[in-house]
PDB file of N, CA and C in Angstrom:
ATOM      1  N   MET A   1     -49.491  96.781 -18.371  1.00  0.00           N
ATOM      2  CA  MET A   1     -50.567  97.186 -19.198  1.00  0.00           C
ATOM      3  C   MET A   1     -50.440  98.303 -20.231  1.00  0.00           C
ATOM      4  N   SER A   2     -50.477  98.462 -21.003  1.00  0.00           N
ATOM      5  CA  SER A   2     -50.120  99.781 -21.825  1.00  0.00           C
ATOM      6  C   SER A   2     -51.787 100.377 -21.817  1.00  0.00           C
ATOM      7  N   TYR A   3     -52.029 101.589 -22.298  1.00  0.00           N
ATOM      8  CA  TYR A   3     -53.040 101.979 -22.543  1.00  0.00           C
ATOM      9  C   TYR A   3     -53.283 101.675 -24.315  1.00  0.00           C
ATOM     10  N   ASP A   4     -52.712 101.583 -24.810  1.00  0.00           N
ATOM     11  CA  ASP A   4     -52.960 101.266 -26.428  1.00  0.00           C
ATOM     12  C   ASP A   4     -53.449  99.737 -26.504  1.00  0.00           C
ATOM     13  N   GLN A   5     -53.252  98.984 -25.825  1.00  0.00           N
ATOM     14  CA  GLN A   5     -53.710  97.453 -25.941  1.00  0.00           C
ATOM     15  C   GLN A   5     -55.196  97.540 -25.155  1.00  0.00           C
ATOM     16  N   PRO A   6     -56.409  96.707 -25.852  1.00  0.00           N
ATOM     17  CA  PRO A   6     -57.600  96.244 -25.115  1.00  0.00           C
ATOM     18  C   PRO A   6     -57.486  95.419 -24.192  1.00  0.00           C
ATOM     19  N   PRO A   7     -58.216  95.626 -23.182  1.00  0.00           N
ATOM     20  CA  PRO A   7     -58.495  94.850 -22.118  1.00  0.00           C
ATOM     21  C   PRO A   7     -58.591  93.671 -22.300  1.00  0.00           C
ATOM     22  N   PRO A   8     -58.184  92.368 -21.589  1.00  0.00           N
ATOM     23  CA  PRO A   8     -58.667  91.117 -21.865  1.00  0.00           C
ATOM     24  C   PRO A   8     -60.087  90.978 -21.738  1.00  0.00           C
ATOM     25  N   PRO A   9     -60.035  89.630 -22.427  1.00  0.00           N
ATOM     26  CA  PRO A   9     -61.546  89.582 -22.837  1.00  0.00           C
ATOM     27  C   PRO A   9     -62.276  88.830 -21.208  1.00  0.00           C
ATOM     28  N   PRO A  10     -63.481  89.065 -21.130  1.00  0.00           N
ATOM     29  CA  PRO A  10     -63.803  88.375 -19.997  1.00  0.00           C
ATOM     30  C   PRO A  10     -64.215  86.845 -20.049  1.00  0.00           C
ATOM     31  N   GLN A  11     -63.521  86.165 -18.822  1.00  0.00           N
ATOM     32  CA  GLN A  11     -63.805  84.816 -18.534  1.00  0.00           C
ATOM     33  C   GLN A  11     -65.234  84.219 -18.495  1.00  0.00           C
ATOM     34  N   TYR A  12     -65.829  83.155 -19.270  1.00  0.00           N
ATOM     35  CA  TYR A  12     -66.707  82.713 -19.419  1.00  0.00           C
ATOM     36  C   TYR A  12     -67.799  82.197 -17.794  1.00  0.00           C
ATOM     37  N   GLY A  13     -68.807  83.078 -17.818  1.00  0.00           N
ATOM     38  CA  GLY A  13     -68.988  82.557 -16.851  1.00  0.00           C
ATOM     39  C   GLY A  13     -68.988  83.465 -15.369  1.00  0.00           C
ATOM     40  N   ALA A  14     -67.963  84.329 -15.573  1.00  0.00           N
ATOM     41  CA  ALA A  14     -67.297  85.284 -14.664  1.00  0.00           C
ATOM     42  C   ALA A  14     -68.663  86.773 -14.657  1.00  0.00           C
ATOM     43  N   PRO A  15     -68.935  87.610 -13.652  1.00  0.00           N
ATOM     44  CA  PRO A  15     -70.027  88.340 -13.864  1.00  0.00           C
ATOM     45  C   PRO A  15     -69.608  89.592 -14.642  1.00  0.00           C
ATOM     46  N   GLN A  16     -70.140  90.143 -15.207  1.00  0.00           N
ATOM     47  CA  GLN A  16     -69.484  91.255 -16.578  1.00  0.00           C
ATOM     48  C   GLN A  16     -69.504  92.455 -15.984  1.00  0.00           C
ATOM     49  N   PRO A  17     -68.654  93.358 -15.483  1.00  0.00           N
ATOM     50  CA  PRO A  17     -68.274  94.430 -14.878  1.00  0.00           C
ATOM     51  C   PRO A  17     -69.997  95.440 -15.771  1.00  0.00           C
ATOM     52  N   TYR A  18     -70.889  96.445 -15.551  1.00  0.00           N
ATOM     53  CA  TYR A  18     -71.667  97.137 -16.291  1.00  0.00           C
ATOM     54  C   TYR A  18     -70.915  98.492 -16.474  1.00  0.00           C
ATOM     55  N   GLY A  19     -70.624  98.781 -17.829  1.00  0.00           N
ATOM     56  CA  GLY A  19     -70.195  99.825 -18.035  1.00  0.00           C
ATOM     57  C   GLY A  19     -70.662 100.473 -19.375  1.00  0.00           C
ATOM     58  N   TYR A  20     -70.069 100.823 -20.326  1.00  0.00           N
ATOM     59  CA  TYR A  20     -70.882 101.343 -21.823  1.00  0.00           C
ATOM     60  C   TYR A  20     -71.260 100.506 -22.577  1.00  0.00           C
ATOM     61  N   GLY A  21     -72.340 100.374 -23.006  1.00  0.00           N
ATOM     62  CA  GLY A  21     -72.997  99.178 -23.595  1.00  0.00           C
ATOM     63  C   GLY A  21     -73.943  97.947 -22.949  1.00  0.00           C
ATOM     64  N   SER A  22     -73.371  97.687 -21.614  1.00  0.00           N
ATOM     65  CA  SER A  22     -74.364  96.809 -20.500  1.00  0.00           C
ATOM     66  C   SER A  22     -75.005  97.336 -19.935  1.00  0.00           C
ATOM     67  N   GLN A  23     -76.095  96.435 -19.230  1.00  0.00           N
ATOM     68  CA  GLN A  23     -76.740  96.986 -18.665  1.00  0.00           C
ATOM     69  C   GLN A  23     -76.412  96.659 -16.784  1.00  0.00           C
ATOM     70  N   PRO A  24     -77.341  97.502 -16.041  1.00  0.00           N
ATOM     71  CA  PRO A  24     -76.908  97.007 -14.608  1.00  0.00           C
ATOM     72  C   PRO A  24     -77.500  96.167 -14.119  1.00  0.00           C
ATOM     73  N   PRO A  25     -77.132  95.497 -12.952  1.00  0.00           N
ATOM     74  CA  PRO A  25     -78.114  94.169 -12.868  1.00  0.00           C
ATOM     75  C   PRO A  25     -79.170  94.155 -11.919  1.00  0.00           C
ATOM     76  N   LYS A  26     -80.506  93.973 -12.310  1.00  0.00           N
ATOM     77  CA  LYS A  26     -81.587  94.003 -11.887  1.00  0.00           C
ATOM     78  C   LYS A  26     -81.777  93.804 -10.852  1.00  0.00           C
ATOM     79  N   ASN A  27     -83.002  94.401 -10.056  1.00  0.00           N
ATOM     80  CA  ASN A  27     -83.399  93.830  -8.726  1.00  0.00           C
ATOM     81  C   ASN A  27     -84.046  92.378  -8.738  1.00  0.00           C
ATOM     82  N   SER A  28     -83.978  91.153  -8.266  1.00  0.00           N
ATOM     83  CA  SER A  28     -84.923  89.896  -8.362  1.00  0.00           C
ATOM     84  C   SER A  28     -86.261  90.564  -7.470  1.00  0.00           C
ATOM     85  N   VAL A  29     -87.176  90.066  -8.767  1.00  0.00           N
ATOM     86  CA  VAL A  29     -88.520  90.452  -7.970  1.00  0.00           C
ATOM     87  C   VAL A  29     -89.121  89.132  -7.062  1.00  0.00           C
ATOM     88  N   MET A  30     -88.568  88.018  -7.166  1.00  0.00           N
ATOM     89  CA  MET A  30     -88.330  87.176  -5.686  1.00  0.00           C
ATOM     90  C   MET A  30     -87.840  87.342  -4.742  1.00  0.00           C
ATOM     91  N   ALA A  31     -86.647  88.415  -4.907  1.00  0.00           N
ATOM     92  CA  ALA A  31     -86.049  88.458  -3.577  1.00  0.00           C
ATOM     93  C   ALA A  31     -87.217  89.337  -2.703  1.00  0.00           C
ATOM     94  N   ILE A  32     -87.687  90.069  -3.525  1.00  0.00           N
ATOM     95  CA  ILE A  32     -88.398  91.867  -2.962  1.00  0.00           C
ATOM     96  C   ILE A  32     -89.620  91.252  -2.513  1.00  0.00           C
ATOM     97  N   SER A  33     -90.289  90.270  -3.213  1.00  0.00           N
ATOM     98  CA  SER A  33     -91.407  89.643  -2.712  1.00  0.00           C
ATOM     99  C   SER A  33     -91.407  88.767  -1.594  1.00  0.00           C
ATOM    100  N   ALA A  34     -90.020  88.083  -1.799  1.00  0.00           N
ATOM    101  CA  ALA A  34     -90.100  87.376   0.077  1.00  0.00           C
ATOM    102  C   ALA A  34     -89.703  87.941   0.649  1.00  0.00           C
ATOM    103  N   LEU A  35     -88.595  89.356   0.747  1.00  0.00           N
ATOM    104  CA  LEU A  35     -88.672  90.422   2.033  1.00  0.00           C
ATOM    105  C   LEU A  35     -89.934  90.862   2.482  1.00  0.00           C
ATOM    106  N   VAL A  36     -91.029  91.213   1.475  1.00  0.00           N
ATOM    107  CA  VAL A  36     -92.622  91.944   1.902  1.00  0.00           C
ATOM    108  C   VAL A  36     -93.336  90.806   2.755  1.00  0.00           C
ATOM    109  N   LEU A  37     -92.988  89.732   2.075  1.00  0.00           N
ATOM    110  CA  LEU A  37     -94.050  88.169   2.533  1.00  0.00           C
ATOM    111  C   LEU A  37     -93.368  87.973   3.820  1.00  0.00           C
ATOM    112  N   GLY A  38     -91.889  88.039   4.463  1.00  0.00           N
ATOM    113  CA  GLY A  38     -91.524  87.711   5.316  1.00  0.00           C
ATOM    114  C   GLY A  38     -91.913  89.205   6.428  1.00  0.00           C
ATOM    115  N   ILE A  39     -91.853  89.952   5.923  1.00  0.00           N
ATOM    116  CA  ILE A  39     -92.131  90.828   6.715  1.00  0.00           C
ATOM    117  C   ILE A  39     -93.737  91.093   7.276  1.00  0.00           C
ATOM    118  N   ILE A  40     -94.725  91.104   6.493  1.00  0.00           N
ATOM    119  CA  ILE A  40     -95.885  90.846   6.896  1.00  0.00           C
ATOM    120  C   ILE A  40     -96.107  89.481   7.781  1.00  0.00           C
ATOM    121  N   GLY A  41     -95.551  88.766   7.457  1.00  0.00           N
ATOM    122  CA  GLY A  41     -95.854  87.279   8.278  1.00  0.00           C
ATOM    123  C   GLY A  41     -95.203  87.380   9.607  1.00  0.00           C
ATOM    124  N   VAL A  42     -94.394  88.130   9.717  1.00  0.00           N
ATOM    125  CA  VAL A  42     -94.040  88.422  11.329  1.00  0.00           C
ATOM    126  C   VAL A  42     -95.067  89.146  12.285  1.00  0.00           C
ATOM    127  N   ILE A  43     -95.543  89.910  11.527  1.00  0.00           N
ATOM    128  CA  ILE A  43     -96.977  90.711  12.371  1.00  0.00           C
ATOM    129  C   ILE A  43     -97.981  89.859  12.469  1.00  0.00           C
ATOM    130  N   PRO A  44     -98.268  89.672  13.534  1.00  0.00           N
ATOM    131  CA  PRO A  44     -99.054  88.929  14.466  1.00  0.00           C
ATOM    132  C   PRO A  44    -100.505  88.893  13.701  1.00  0.00           C
ATOM    133  N   CYS A  45    -100.633  88.120  12.848  1.00  0.00           N
ATOM    134  CA  CYS A  45    -102.143  87.629  12.398  1.00  0.00           C
ATOM    135  C   CYS A  45    -102.688  86.549  12.568  1.00  0.00           C
ATOM    136  N   PHE A  46    -101.550  85.732  12.720  1.00  0.00           N
ATOM    137  CA  PHE A  46    -102.020  84.207  13.580  1.00  0.00           C
ATOM    138  C   PHE A  46    -102.582  83.319  12.332  1.00  0.00           C
ATOM    139  N   TRP A  47    -103.218  83.631  11.600  1.00  0.00           N
ATOM    140  CA  TRP A  47    -103.707  82.635  10.516  1.00  0.00           C
ATOM    141  C   TRP A  47    -103.065  82.744   9.588  1.00  0.00           C
ATOM    142  N   GLY A  48    -102.573  84.194   8.965  1.00  0.00           N
ATOM    143  CA  GLY A  48    -102.394  84.420   7.750  1.00  0.00           C
ATOM    144  C   GLY A  48    -100.801  84.461   7.802  1.00  0.00           C
ATOM    145  N   CYS A  49    -100.365  84.289   9.085  1.00  0.00           N
ATOM    146  CA  CYS A  49     -98.836  84.017   9.385  1.00  0.00           C
ATOM    147  C   CYS A  49     -98.345  82.706   8.635  1.00  0.00           C
ATOM    148  N   PHE A  50     -99.359  82.193   8.601  1.00  0.00           N
ATOM    149  CA  PHE A  50     -98.538  80.472   8.067  1.00  0.00           C
ATOM    150  C   PHE A  50     -98.606  80.886   6.347  1.00  0.00           C
ATOM    151  N   ILE A  51     -99.485  81.428   6.069  1.00  0.00           N
ATOM    152  CA  ILE A  51     -99.473  81.610   3.993  1.00  0.00           C
ATOM    153  C   ILE A  51     -98.412  82.864   4.180  1.00  0.00           C
ATOM    154  N   PHE A  52     -98.129  83.608   4.563  1.00  0.00           N
ATOM    155  CA  PHE A  52     -97.325  84.960   4.330  1.00  0.00           C
ATOM    156  C   PHE A  52     -95.741  84.538   4.516  1.00  0.00           C
ATOM    157  N   SER A  53     -95.734  83.512   5.417  1.00  0.00           N
ATOM    158  CA  SER A  53     -94.464  82.939   6.242  1.00  0.00           C
ATOM    159  C   SER A  53     -93.939  82.083   5.331  1.00  0.00           C
ATOM    160  N   GLY A  54     -94.963  81.201   4.924  1.00  0.00           N
ATOM    161  CA  GLY A  54     -94.251  79.884   3.778  1.00  0.00           C
ATOM    162  C   GLY A  54     -94.319  80.608   2.767  1.00  0.00           C
ATOM    163  N   ALA A  55     -95.041  81.450   1.902  1.00  0.00           N
ATOM    164  CA  ALA A  55     -94.297  82.332   0.890  1.00  0.00           C
ATOM    165  C   ALA A  55     -92.974  83.107   0.715  1.00  0.00           C
ATOM    166  N   GLY A  56     -92.850  83.634   2.042  1.00  0.00           N
ATOM    167  CA  GLY A  56     -91.510  83.962   2.499  1.00  0.00           C
ATOM    168  C   GLY A  56     -90.434  83.123   2.220  1.00  0.00           C
ATOM    169  N   VAL A  57     -90.863  81.919   2.876  1.00  0.00           N
ATOM    170  CA  VAL A  57     -89.511  80.894   2.991  1.00  0.00           C
ATOM    171  C   VAL A  57     -89.575  80.491   1.634  1.00  0.00           C
ATOM    172  N   VAL A  58     -90.396  80.235   0.858  1.00  0.00           N
ATOM    173  CA  VAL A  58     -90.317  79.474  -0.438  1.00  0.00           C
ATOM    174  C   VAL A  58     -89.725  80.573  -1.502  1.00  0.00           C
ATOM    175  N   LEU A  59     -90.069  81.633  -1.502  1.00  0.00           N
ATOM    176  CA  LEU A  59     -89.738  82.916  -2.328  1.00  0.00           C
ATOM    177  C   LEU A  59     -88.296  83.060  -2.232  1.00  0.00           C
ATOM    178  N   GLY A  60     -88.228  83.240  -0.531  1.00  0.00           N
ATOM    179  CA  GLY A  60     -86.520  83.779  -0.279  1.00  0.00           C
ATOM    180  C   GLY A  60     -85.561  82.884  -1.244  1.00  0.00           C
ATOM    181  N   LYS A  61     -85.916  81.268  -0.756  1.00  0.00           N
ATOM    182  CA  LYS A  61     -84.886  80.212  -1.548  1.00  0.00           C
ATOM    183  C   LYS A  61     -84.775  80.384  -3.185  1.00  0.00           C
ATOM    184  N   LEU A  62     -85.823  80.645  -3.524  1.00  0.00           N
ATOM    185  CA  LEU A  62     -85.741  80.685  -5.042  1.00  0.00           C
ATOM    186  C   LEU A  62     -85.381  81.797  -5.049  1.00  0.00           C
ATOM    187  N   GLY A  63     -85.441  83.119  -4.958  1.00  0.00           N
ATOM    188  CA  GLY A  63     -84.669  83.996  -4.748  1.00  0.00           C
ATOM    189  C   GLY A  63     -83.437  84.054  -4.917  1.00  0.00           C
ATOM    190  N   GLN A  64     -82.795  83.400  -3.902  1.00  0.00           N
ATOM    191  CA  GLN A  64     -81.189  83.419  -3.974  1.00  0.00           C
ATOM    192  C   GLN A  64     -80.672  82.727  -4.903  1.00  0.00           C
ATOM    193  N   LYS A  65     -81.570  81.680  -5.265  1.00  0.00           N
ATOM    194  CA  LYS A  65     -81.021  80.389  -6.437  1.00  0.00           C
ATOM    195  C   LYS A  65     -81.436  81.257  -7.895  1.00  0.00           C
ATOM    196  N   GLU A  66     -82.353  81.901  -8.037  1.00  0.00           N
ATOM    197  CA  GLU A  66     -82.414  82.806  -9.453  1.00  0.00           C
ATOM    198  C   GLU A  66     -81.267  83.663  -9.347  1.00  0.00           C
ATOM    199  N   ILE A  67     -80.727  84.596  -8.552  1.00  0.00           N
ATOM    200  CA  ILE A  67     -79.738  85.599  -8.036  1.00  0.00           C
ATOM    201  C   ILE A  67     -78.395  84.480  -8.191  1.00  0.00           C
ATOM    202  N   ARG A  68     -78.063  83.544  -7.819  1.00  0.00           N
ATOM    203  CA  ARG A  68     -76.512  82.827  -8.001  1.00  0.00           C
ATOM    204  C   ARG A  68     -76.501  82.519  -9.424  1.00  0.00           C
ATOM    205  N   GLU A  69     -77.872  81.785 -10.111  1.00  0.00           N
ATOM    206  CA  GLU A  69     -77.842  81.640 -11.838  1.00  0.00           C
ATOM    207  C   GLU A  69     -77.464  82.368 -12.719  1.00  0.00           C
ATOM    208  N   SER A  70     -77.886  83.866 -12.199  1.00  0.00           N
ATOM    209  CA  SER A  70     -78.239  84.648 -13.275  1.00  0.00           C
ATOM    210  C   SER A  70     -76.654  84.991 -13.701  1.00  0.00           C
ATOM    211  N   GLN A  71     -75.545  85.061 -12.969  1.00  0.00           N
ATOM    212  CA  GLN A  71     -74.630  85.279 -13.394  1.00  0.00           C
ATOM    213  C   GLN A  71     -74.053  87.009 -13.070  1.00  0.00           C
ATOM    214  N   GLY A  72     -74.479  87.513 -12.144  1.00  0.00           N
ATOM    215  CA  GLY A  72     -74.580  88.901 -11.915  1.00  0.00           C
ATOM    216  C   GLY A  72     -75.506  89.693 -12.370  1.00  0.00           C
ATOM    217  N   ALA A  73     -76.517  89.229 -13.131  1.00  0.00           N
ATOM    218  CA  ALA A  73     -77.036  90.147 -14.316  1.00  0.00           C
ATOM    219  C   ALA A  73     -78.389  90.321 -13.387  1.00  0.00           C
ATOM    220  N   LYS A  74     -78.954  89.393 -11.824  1.00  0.00           N
ATOM    221  CA  LYS A  74     -79.492  90.204 -11.102  1.00  0.00           C
ATOM    222  C   LYS A  74     -78.879  90.337  -9.389  1.00  0.00           C
ATOM    223  N   LYS A  75     -79.411  90.956  -8.849  1.00  0.00           N
ATOM    224  CA  LYS A  75     -79.107  91.531  -7.289  1.00  0.00           C
ATOM    225  C   LYS A  75     -80.456  91.406  -6.401  1.00  0.00           C
ATOM    226  N   GLY A  76     -79.816  91.364  -4.965  1.00  0.00           N
ATOM    227  CA  GLY A  76     -80.756  91.376  -4.174  1.00  0.00           C
ATOM    228  C   GLY A  76     -81.140  90.111  -3.224  1.00  0.00           C
ATOM    229  N   GLU A  77     -79.632  89.680  -2.987  1.00  0.00           N
ATOM    230  CA  GLU A  77     -79.412  88.296  -2.263  1.00  0.00           C
ATOM    231  C   GLU A  77     -79.502  88.434  -1.070  1.00  0.00           C
ATOM    232  N   GLY A  78     -79.508  89.641  -0.314  1.00  0.00           N
ATOM    233  CA  GLY A  78     -79.633  89.716   1.132  1.00  0.00           C
ATOM    234  C   GLY A  78     -80.995  90.131   1.204  1.00  0.00           C
ATOM    235  N   GLN A  79     -81.897  90.809   0.186  1.00  0.00           N
ATOM    236  CA  GLN A  79     -83.348  90.512   0.345  1.00  0.00           C
ATOM    237  C   GLN A  79     -84.255  89.155   0.461  1.00  0.00           C
ATOM    238  N   ALA A  80     -83.423  88.437  -0.656  1.00  0.00           N
ATOM    239  CA  ALA A  80     -84.372  86.841  -0.264  1.00  0.00           C
ATOM    240  C   ALA A  80     -83.588  86.368   0.894  1.00  0.00           C
ATOM    241  N   LYS A  81     -82.231  86.334   1.509  1.00  0.00           N
ATOM    242  CA  LYS A  81     -82.069  86.049   2.584  1.00  0.00           C
ATOM    243  C   LYS A  81     -82.897  86.167   3.692  1.00  0.00           C
ATOM    244  N   TRP A  82     -83.127  87.743   3.789  1.00  0.00           N
ATOM    245  CA  TRP A  82     -84.109  88.513   5.115  1.00  0.00           C
ATOM    246  C   TRP A  82     -85.789  87.832   4.629  1.00  0.00           C
ATOM    247  N   GLY A  83     -85.874  87.374   3.787  1.00  0.00           N
ATOM    248  CA  GLY A  83     -86.959  87.093   3.740  1.00  0.00           C
ATOM    249  C   GLY A  83     -87.112  85.680   4.121  1.00  0.00           C
ATOM    250  N   PHE A  84     -86.704  84.903   3.791  1.00  0.00           N
ATOM    251  CA  PHE A  84     -86.216  83.561   4.051  1.00  0.00           C
ATOM    252  C   PHE A  84     -86.502  83.254   5.719  1.00  0.00           C
ATOM    253  N   ILE A  85     -85.283  84.047   6.461  1.00  0.00           N
ATOM    254  CA  ILE A  85     -85.319  84.242   7.987  1.00  0.00           C
ATOM    255  C   ILE A  85     -86.224  84.909   8.448  1.00  0.00           C
ATOM    256  N   LEU A  86     -87.249  85.992   8.080  1.00  0.00           N
ATOM    257  CA  LEU A  86     -88.278  86.737   8.616  1.00  0.00           C
ATOM    258  C   LEU A  86     -89.630  85.078   8.490  1.00  0.00           C
ATOM    259  N   GLY A  87     -89.291  84.631   7.014  1.00  0.00           N
ATOM    260  CA  GLY A  87     -90.497  83.976   7.342  1.00  0.00           C
ATOM    261  C   GLY A  87     -90.358  82.386   8.235  1.00  0.00           C
ATOM    262  N   ILE A  88     -89.354  81.851   8.290  1.00  0.00           N
ATOM    263  CA  ILE A  88     -89.312  81.199   9.458  1.00  0.00           C
ATOM    264  C   ILE A  88     -89.529  81.717  10.829  1.00  0.00           C
ATOM    265  N   VAL A  89     -89.224  83.069  11.118  1.00  0.00           N
ATOM    266  CA  VAL A  89     -89.305  83.658  12.368  1.00  0.00           C
ATOM    267  C   VAL A  89     -91.047  83.745  12.552  1.00  0.00           C
ATOM    268  N   GLY A  90     -91.342  83.848  11.749  1.00  0.00           N
ATOM    269  CA  GLY A  90     -93.311  84.244  11.263  1.00  0.00           C
ATOM    270  C   GLY A  90     -93.516  82.674  11.237  1.00  0.00           C
ATOM    271  N   LEU A  91     -93.244  81.862  10.819  1.00  0.00           N
ATOM    272  CA  LEU A  91     -93.582  80.233  11.151  1.00  0.00           C
ATOM    273  C   LEU A  91     -93.714  80.039  12.669  1.00  0.00           C
ATOM    274  N   VAL A  92     -92.095  80.361  13.339  1.00  0.00           N
ATOM    275  CA  VAL A  92     -92.419  79.664  14.292  1.00  0.00           C
ATOM    276  C   VAL A  92     -93.145  80.288  15.319  1.00  0.00           C
ATOM    277  N   LEU A  93     -93.333  82.056  15.304  1.00  0.00           N
ATOM    278  CA  LEU A  93     -94.420  82.366  16.312  1.00  0.00           C
ATOM    279  C   LEU A  93     -95.238  81.832  15.963  1.00  0.00           C
ATOM    280  N   GLY A  94     -95.999  81.823  14.473  1.00  0.00           N
ATOM    281  CA  GLY A  94     -97.344  81.079  14.555  1.00  0.00           C
ATOM    282  C   GLY A  94     -97.845  79.837  15.292  1.00  0.00           C
ATOM    283  N   VAL A  95     -96.688  79.046  15.309  1.00  0.00           N
ATOM    284  CA  VAL A  95     -96.791  77.569  15.864  1.00  0.00           C
ATOM    285  C   VAL A  95     -96.861  77.864  17.198  1.00  0.00           C
ATOM    286  N   LEU A  96     -96.186  78.809  17.764  1.00  0.00           N
ATOM    287  CA  LEU A  96     -96.065  79.032  19.305  1.00  0.00           C
ATOM    288  C   LEU A  96     -97.018  79.387  19.763  1.00  0.00           C
ATOM    289  N   TYR A  97     -97.788  80.617  19.374  1.00  0.00           N
ATOM    290  CA  TYR A  97     -99.369  81.100  18.950  1.00  0.00           C
ATOM    291  C   TYR A  97    -100.296  80.274  19.565  1.00  0.00           C
ATOM    292  N   TRP A  98    -100.217  79.219  18.312  1.00  0.00           N
ATOM    293  CA  TRP A  98    -101.207  78.128  18.195  1.00  0.00           C
ATOM    294  C   TRP A  98    -101.180  77.121  19.259  1.00  0.00           C
ATOM    295  N   ILE A  99     -99.968  77.053  19.924  1.00  0.00           N
ATOM    296  CA  ILE A  99     -99.542  75.878  21.099  1.00  0.00           C
ATOM    297  C   ILE A  99    -100.184  76.444  22.237  1.00  0.00           C
ATOM    298  N   LEU A 100     -99.791  77.873  22.467  1.00  0.00           N
ATOM    299  CA  LEU A 100    -100.085  78.455  23.856  1.00  0.00           C
ATOM    300  C   LEU A 100    -101.776  78.469  23.659  1.00  0.00           C
ATOM    301  N   PHE A 101    -102.552  78.729  22.448  1.00  0.00           N
ATOM    302  CA  PHE A 101    -103.773  79.135  22.884  1.00  0.00           C
ATOM    303  C   PHE A 101    -104.265  77.620  23.064  1.00  0.00           C
ATOM    304  N   ALA A 102    -104.150  76.429  22.338  1.00  0.00           N
ATOM    305  CA  ALA A 102    -104.332  75.190  22.602  1.00  0.00           C
ATOM    306  C   ALA A 102    -104.346  74.516  23.887  1.00  0.00           C
ATOM    307  N   THR A 103    -103.401  75.181  24.586  1.00  0.00           N
ATOM    308  CA  THR A 103    -103.217  74.876  25.672  1.00  0.00           C
ATOM    309  C   THR A 103    -103.741  75.579  27.069  1.00  0.00           C
ATOM    310  N   GLY A 104    -104.317  76.637  26.812  1.00  0.00           N
ATOM    311  CA  GLY A 104    -105.231  77.359  27.323  1.00  0.00           C
ATOM    312  C   GLY A 104    -104.520  78.633  27.970  1.00  0.00           C
ATOM    313  N   ALA A 105    -103.360  78.537  27.423  1.00  0.00           N
ATOM    314  CA  ALA A 105    -102.306  79.728  28.168  1.00  0.00           C
ATOM    315  C   ALA A 105    -102.892  81.021  27.477  1.00  0.00           C
ATOM    316  N   ILE A 106    -103.292  81.065  26.554  1.00  0.00           N
ATOM    317  CA  ILE A 106    -103.859  82.413  25.892  1.00  0.00           C
ATOM    318  C   ILE A 106    -105.178  82.042  25.757  1.00  0.00           C
ATOM    319  N   ASP A 107    -106.231  83.173  26.056  1.00  0.00           N
ATOM    320  CA  ASP A 107    -107.545  83.202  26.208  1.00  0.00           C
ATOM    321  C   ASP A 107    -107.873  84.353  25.120  1.00  0.00           C
ATOM    322  N   ILE A 108    -108.673  83.744  24.319  1.00  0.00           N
ATOM    323  CA  ILE A 108    -109.206  84.940  23.621  1.00  0.00           C
ATOM    324  C   ILE A 108    -110.615  85.234  23.491  1.00  0.00           C
ATOM    325  N   THR A 109    -111.197  86.038  24.438  1.00  0.00           N
ATOM    326  CA  THR A 109    -112.543  86.097  24.543  1.00  0.00           C
ATOM    327  C   THR A 109    -113.024  87.522  24.525  1.00  0.00           C
ATOM    328  N   TYR A 110    -113.605  88.113  23.291  1.00  0.00           N
ATOM    329  CA  TYR A 110    -113.938  89.288  23.526  1.00  0.00           C
ATOM    330  C   TYR A 110    -115.516  89.774  23.964  1.00  0.00           C
ATOM    331  N   GLU A 111    -115.154  90.215  25.073  1.00  0.00           N
ATOM    332  CA  GLU A 111    -116.674  90.621  26.099  1.00  0.00           C
ATOM    333  C   GLU A 111    -116.431  92.206  26.076  1.00  0.00           C
ATOM    334  N   GLY A 112    -117.492  92.572  25.300  1.00  0.00           N
ATOM    335  CA  GLY A 112    -117.880  94.304  25.975  1.00  0.00           C
ATOM    336  C   GLY A 112    -119.017  94.790  26.218  1.00  0.00           C
ATOM    337  N   ASN A 113    -118.879  96.149  26.200  1.00  0.00           N
ATOM    338  CA  ASN A 113    -120.329  96.503  26.350  1.00  0.00           C
ATOM    339  C   ASN A 113    -120.292  97.388  25.049  1.00  0.00           C
ATOM    340  N   PHE A 114    -121.526  97.003  24.256  1.00  0.00           N
ATOM    341  CA  PHE A 114    -121.474  97.621  22.737  1.00  0.00           C
ATOM    342  C   PHE A 114    -122.953  98.096  22.833  1.00  0.00           C
ATOM    343  N   GLY A 115    -122.702  99.462  23.746  1.00  0.00           N
ATOM    344  CA  GLY A 115    -124.379 100.291  23.790  1.00  0.00           C
ATOM    345  C   GLY A 115    -125.490  99.494  24.422  1.00  0.00           C
ATOM    346  N   SER A 116    -125.199  99.014  25.354  1.00  0.00           N
ATOM    347  CA  SER A 116    -125.978  98.422  26.138  1.00  0.00           C
ATOM    348  C   SER A 116    -125.850  98.786  27.339  1.00  0.00           C
TER     349      SER A 116
END
């Protein structure tokens, strides 16, 4: 390839390298949201873990799909994947907690001496 010839045109559907006149790939909002909700879902909040973890699972899968279909315009597939994984872990921990609570293995009684 000589320096006086222009580079070949990009193939259709191939991700464009960003350079002069093009935009860098943007982070997927769904991927970031999936990761945040997945992290919150793992924190033992027990009722809320189903809501946050479930949302992390759904947004993780939607974020992965959005990134794949963007053809390089969006990034954050790792964030979406970890949001999905942490969402699954949060759901499993929540189910395990409620099974242990229902069988009596975990007893939640708050008895304290509050000023008497």
